[in-house]
Amino acid sequence: MIADSQTLDRLFGEARHLAPEYRLRLVQRIIQTLVTSMPAQEPQPLRFGEFGGDEATMSTWEDFTLAQWQPSNEELDGP
């Protein structure tokens, strides 16, 4: 661990001598090694009832309608 700390201190000291734009490039390249680029996936919205089991216990459209927040004018106007 001490060797890693010493190496890190040495690299930091050398990086301080770089111009700001090169320091930013260095940071960018380090970040690129840490973050793996994931291929963009198309969003796949859930379908109603997709994970349902027993149909008798599944939510109905009426359940969703009742659960929706339907604010009054006073709630929309605020204090």
N, C-alpha and C. Protein backbone atom coordinates (compact mmCIF):
# COMPACT_ATOMS: atom_id res chain seq x y z
N MET A 1 0.81 -1.18 0.00
CA MET A 1 0.00 0.00 0.00
C MET A 1 0.86 1.25 0.00
N ILE A 2 1.98 1.24 0.72
CA ILE A 2 2.83 2.42 0.78
C ILE A 2 3.40 2.72 -0.60
N ALA A 3 3.78 1.68 -1.35
CA ALA A 3 4.30 1.89 -2.70
C ALA A 3 3.24 2.53 -3.58
N ASP A 4 1.98 2.09 -3.44
CA ASP A 4 0.90 2.68 -4.23
C ASP A 4 0.71 4.15 -3.84
N SER A 5 0.79 4.44 -2.57
CA SER A 5 0.63 5.81 -2.10
C SER A 5 1.77 6.69 -2.62
N GLN A 6 2.98 6.16 -2.59
CA GLN A 6 4.13 6.92 -3.08
C GLN A 6 4.02 7.15 -4.58
N THR A 7 3.58 6.14 -5.31
CA THR A 7 3.41 6.29 -6.76
C THR A 7 2.36 7.34 -7.06
N LEU A 8 1.27 7.29 -6.31
CA LEU A 8 0.20 8.26 -6.51
C LEU A 8 0.68 9.67 -6.21
N ASP A 9 1.45 9.83 -5.13
CA ASP A 9 1.99 11.15 -4.79
C ASP A 9 2.93 11.65 -5.88
N ARG A 10 3.74 10.75 -6.43
CA ARG A 10 4.67 11.13 -7.50
C ARG A 10 3.90 11.57 -8.75
N LEU A 11 2.88 10.79 -9.12
CA LEU A 11 2.08 11.14 -10.29
C LEU A 11 1.35 12.47 -10.09
N PHE A 12 0.84 12.68 -8.90
CA PHE A 12 0.16 13.94 -8.60
C PHE A 12 1.13 15.11 -8.72
N GLY A 13 2.33 14.93 -8.21
CA GLY A 13 3.34 15.98 -8.30
C GLY A 13 3.70 16.31 -9.74
N GLU A 14 3.82 15.28 -10.57
CA GLU A 14 4.13 15.51 -11.99
C GLU A 14 2.95 16.17 -12.70
N ALA A 15 1.74 15.76 -12.36
CA ALA A 15 0.56 16.33 -13.01
C ALA A 15 0.40 17.81 -12.68
N ARG A 16 0.86 18.23 -11.51
CA ARG A 16 0.73 19.64 -11.13
C ARG A 16 1.55 20.55 -12.03
N HIS A 17 2.55 19.99 -12.70
CA HIS A 17 3.40 20.79 -13.59
C HIS A 17 2.81 20.92 -14.99
N LEU A 18 1.75 20.19 -15.27
CA LEU A 18 1.12 20.26 -16.59
C LEU A 18 0.25 21.50 -16.69
N ALA A 19 0.07 21.94 -17.92
CA ALA A 19 -0.86 23.05 -18.17
C ALA A 19 -2.28 22.58 -17.86
N PRO A 20 -3.17 23.50 -17.49
CA PRO A 20 -4.53 23.09 -17.10
C PRO A 20 -5.25 22.23 -18.14
N GLU A 21 -5.10 22.57 -19.43
CA GLU A 21 -5.80 21.77 -20.45
C GLU A 21 -5.28 20.34 -20.52
N TYR A 22 -3.99 20.14 -20.26
CA TYR A 22 -3.43 18.78 -20.25
C TYR A 22 -3.83 18.03 -18.98
N ARG A 23 -3.98 18.76 -17.90
CA ARG A 23 -4.46 18.11 -16.67
C ARG A 23 -5.88 17.62 -16.86
N LEU A 24 -6.70 18.42 -17.55
CA LEU A 24 -8.06 18.00 -17.84
C LEU A 24 -8.08 16.78 -18.76
N ARG A 25 -7.19 16.75 -19.74
CA ARG A 25 -7.09 15.57 -20.61
C ARG A 25 -6.70 14.33 -19.81
N LEU A 26 -5.79 14.51 -18.89
CA LEU A 26 -5.36 13.40 -18.04
C LEU A 26 -6.54 12.87 -17.22
N VAL A 27 -7.29 13.79 -16.63
CA VAL A 27 -8.46 13.38 -15.84
C VAL A 27 -9.46 12.66 -16.73
N GLN A 28 -9.69 13.17 -17.93
CA GLN A 28 -10.63 12.55 -18.85
C GLN A 28 -10.21 11.12 -19.18
N ARG A 29 -8.94 10.93 -19.46
CA ARG A 29 -8.46 9.59 -19.80
C ARG A 29 -8.55 8.64 -18.61
N ILE A 30 -8.30 9.15 -17.41
CA ILE A 30 -8.43 8.31 -16.22
C ILE A 30 -9.89 7.90 -16.02
N ILE A 31 -10.79 8.86 -16.20
CA ILE A 31 -12.22 8.55 -16.05
C ILE A 31 -12.65 7.52 -17.08
N GLN A 32 -12.16 7.62 -18.29
CA GLN A 32 -12.51 6.66 -19.33
C GLN A 32 -12.09 5.24 -18.96
N THR A 33 -11.03 5.12 -18.18
CA THR A 33 -10.60 3.77 -17.77
C THR A 33 -11.47 3.24 -16.65
N LEU A 34 -12.16 4.13 -15.92
CA LEU A 34 -12.99 3.71 -14.80
C LEU A 34 -14.42 3.41 -15.22
N VAL A 35 -14.91 4.13 -16.21
CA VAL A 35 -16.30 3.98 -16.63
C VAL A 35 -16.35 3.14 -17.89
N THR A 36 -17.08 2.05 -17.80
CA THR A 36 -17.25 1.23 -18.99
C THR A 36 -18.44 1.76 -19.77
N SER A 37 -18.25 1.90 -21.05
CA SER A 37 -19.35 2.41 -21.87
C SER A 37 -20.31 1.26 -22.16
N MET A 38 -21.55 1.50 -21.81
CA MET A 38 -22.59 0.50 -22.02
C MET A 38 -23.33 0.86 -23.31
N PRO A 39 -23.67 -0.11 -24.12
CA PRO A 39 -24.43 0.21 -25.33
C PRO A 39 -25.82 0.72 -24.95
N ALA A 40 -26.26 1.72 -25.67
CA ALA A 40 -27.57 2.30 -25.39
C ALA A 40 -28.66 1.28 -25.72
N GLN A 41 -29.56 1.10 -24.79
CA GLN A 41 -30.65 0.17 -25.00
C GLN A 41 -31.94 0.94 -25.16
N GLU A 42 -32.79 0.43 -26.00
CA GLU A 42 -34.11 1.03 -26.19
C GLU A 42 -34.92 0.84 -24.91
N PRO A 43 -35.58 1.89 -24.44
CA PRO A 43 -36.41 1.71 -23.25
C PRO A 43 -37.56 0.75 -23.55
N GLN A 44 -37.82 -0.10 -22.60
CA GLN A 44 -38.89 -1.08 -22.75
C GLN A 44 -39.87 -0.88 -21.61
N PRO A 45 -40.92 -0.08 -21.85
CA PRO A 45 -41.88 0.17 -20.77
C PRO A 45 -42.60 -1.12 -20.36
N LEU A 46 -43.01 -1.13 -19.10
CA LEU A 46 -43.74 -2.29 -18.60
C LEU A 46 -45.12 -2.35 -19.25
N ARG A 47 -45.56 -3.53 -19.49
CA ARG A 47 -46.91 -3.73 -20.01
C ARG A 47 -47.84 -4.04 -18.84
N PHE A 48 -49.06 -3.56 -18.94
CA PHE A 48 -50.04 -3.81 -17.90
C PHE A 48 -50.22 -5.31 -17.73
N GLY A 49 -50.05 -5.79 -16.51
CA GLY A 49 -50.24 -7.21 -16.22
C GLY A 49 -49.08 -8.09 -16.59
N GLU A 50 -47.96 -7.51 -17.00
CA GLU A 50 -46.81 -8.31 -17.47
C GLU A 50 -46.29 -9.25 -16.39
N PHE A 51 -46.26 -8.78 -15.14
CA PHE A 51 -45.71 -9.59 -14.07
C PHE A 51 -46.81 -10.16 -13.17
N GLY A 52 -47.99 -10.22 -13.72
CA GLY A 52 -49.11 -10.72 -12.92
C GLY A 52 -49.06 -12.23 -12.77
N GLY A 53 -49.57 -12.69 -11.67
CA GLY A 53 -49.65 -14.13 -11.44
C GLY A 53 -51.10 -14.56 -11.54
N ASP A 54 -51.72 -14.65 -10.41
CA ASP A 54 -53.13 -15.01 -10.35
C ASP A 54 -53.96 -13.82 -10.81
N GLU A 55 -54.76 -14.02 -11.86
CA GLU A 55 -55.51 -12.91 -12.43
C GLU A 55 -56.52 -12.32 -11.46
N ALA A 56 -56.96 -13.09 -10.49
CA ALA A 56 -57.93 -12.57 -9.53
C ALA A 56 -57.31 -11.50 -8.64
N THR A 57 -55.99 -11.55 -8.42
CA THR A 57 -55.34 -10.58 -7.54
C THR A 57 -54.68 -9.43 -8.31
N MET A 58 -54.76 -9.46 -9.64
CA MET A 58 -54.12 -8.41 -10.42
C MET A 58 -54.90 -7.11 -10.31
N SER A 59 -54.18 -6.01 -10.42
CA SER A 59 -54.82 -4.70 -10.41
C SER A 59 -55.61 -4.51 -11.69
N THR A 60 -56.68 -3.77 -11.58
CA THR A 60 -57.51 -3.46 -12.75
C THR A 60 -57.28 -2.01 -13.14
N TRP A 61 -57.82 -1.62 -14.29
CA TRP A 61 -57.71 -0.23 -14.70
C TRP A 61 -58.42 0.68 -13.71
N GLU A 62 -59.49 0.20 -13.10
CA GLU A 62 -60.20 0.99 -12.10
C GLU A 62 -59.31 1.26 -10.89
N ASP A 63 -58.50 0.27 -10.50
CA ASP A 63 -57.56 0.47 -9.39
C ASP A 63 -56.58 1.59 -9.71
N PHE A 64 -56.07 1.59 -10.94
CA PHE A 64 -55.12 2.63 -11.34
C PHE A 64 -55.79 3.99 -11.37
N THR A 65 -57.02 4.04 -11.85
CA THR A 65 -57.75 5.31 -11.91
C THR A 65 -58.00 5.86 -10.51
N LEU A 66 -58.38 5.00 -9.59
CA LEU A 66 -58.63 5.44 -8.22
C LEU A 66 -57.34 5.91 -7.54
N ALA A 67 -56.21 5.32 -7.89
CA ALA A 67 -54.94 5.65 -7.24
C ALA A 67 -54.31 6.92 -7.80
N GLN A 68 -54.80 7.40 -8.95
CA GLN A 68 -54.22 8.60 -9.54
C GLN A 68 -54.47 9.81 -8.65
N TRP A 69 -53.48 10.69 -8.62
CA TRP A 69 -53.62 11.93 -7.87
C TRP A 69 -54.38 12.91 -8.73
N GLN A 70 -55.49 13.38 -8.24
CA GLN A 70 -56.29 14.35 -8.96
C GLN A 70 -56.41 15.58 -8.07
N PRO A 71 -55.48 16.52 -8.24
CA PRO A 71 -55.42 17.67 -7.32
C PRO A 71 -56.61 18.60 -7.51
N SER A 72 -56.96 19.25 -6.43
CA SER A 72 -57.98 20.28 -6.49
C SER A 72 -57.35 21.58 -6.97
N ASN A 73 -58.18 22.56 -7.28
CA ASN A 73 -57.66 23.85 -7.71
C ASN A 73 -56.81 24.49 -6.62
N GLU A 74 -57.19 24.32 -5.35
CA GLU A 74 -56.42 24.90 -4.26
C GLU A 74 -55.02 24.29 -4.18
N GLU A 75 -54.92 22.98 -4.42
CA GLU A 75 -53.60 22.33 -4.41
C GLU A 75 -52.74 22.81 -5.58
N LEU A 76 -53.37 23.05 -6.72
CA LEU A 76 -52.62 23.51 -7.88
C LEU A 76 -52.18 24.95 -7.73
N ASP A 77 -52.99 25.78 -7.07
CA ASP A 77 -52.66 27.20 -6.91
C ASP A 77 -51.55 27.43 -5.90
N GLY A 78 -51.39 26.50 -4.98
CA GLY A 78 -50.35 26.64 -3.97
C GLY A 78 -50.75 27.61 -2.88
N PRO A 79 -49.83 27.86 -1.93
CA PRO A 79 -50.18 28.75 -0.79
C PRO A 79 -50.26 30.19 -1.21
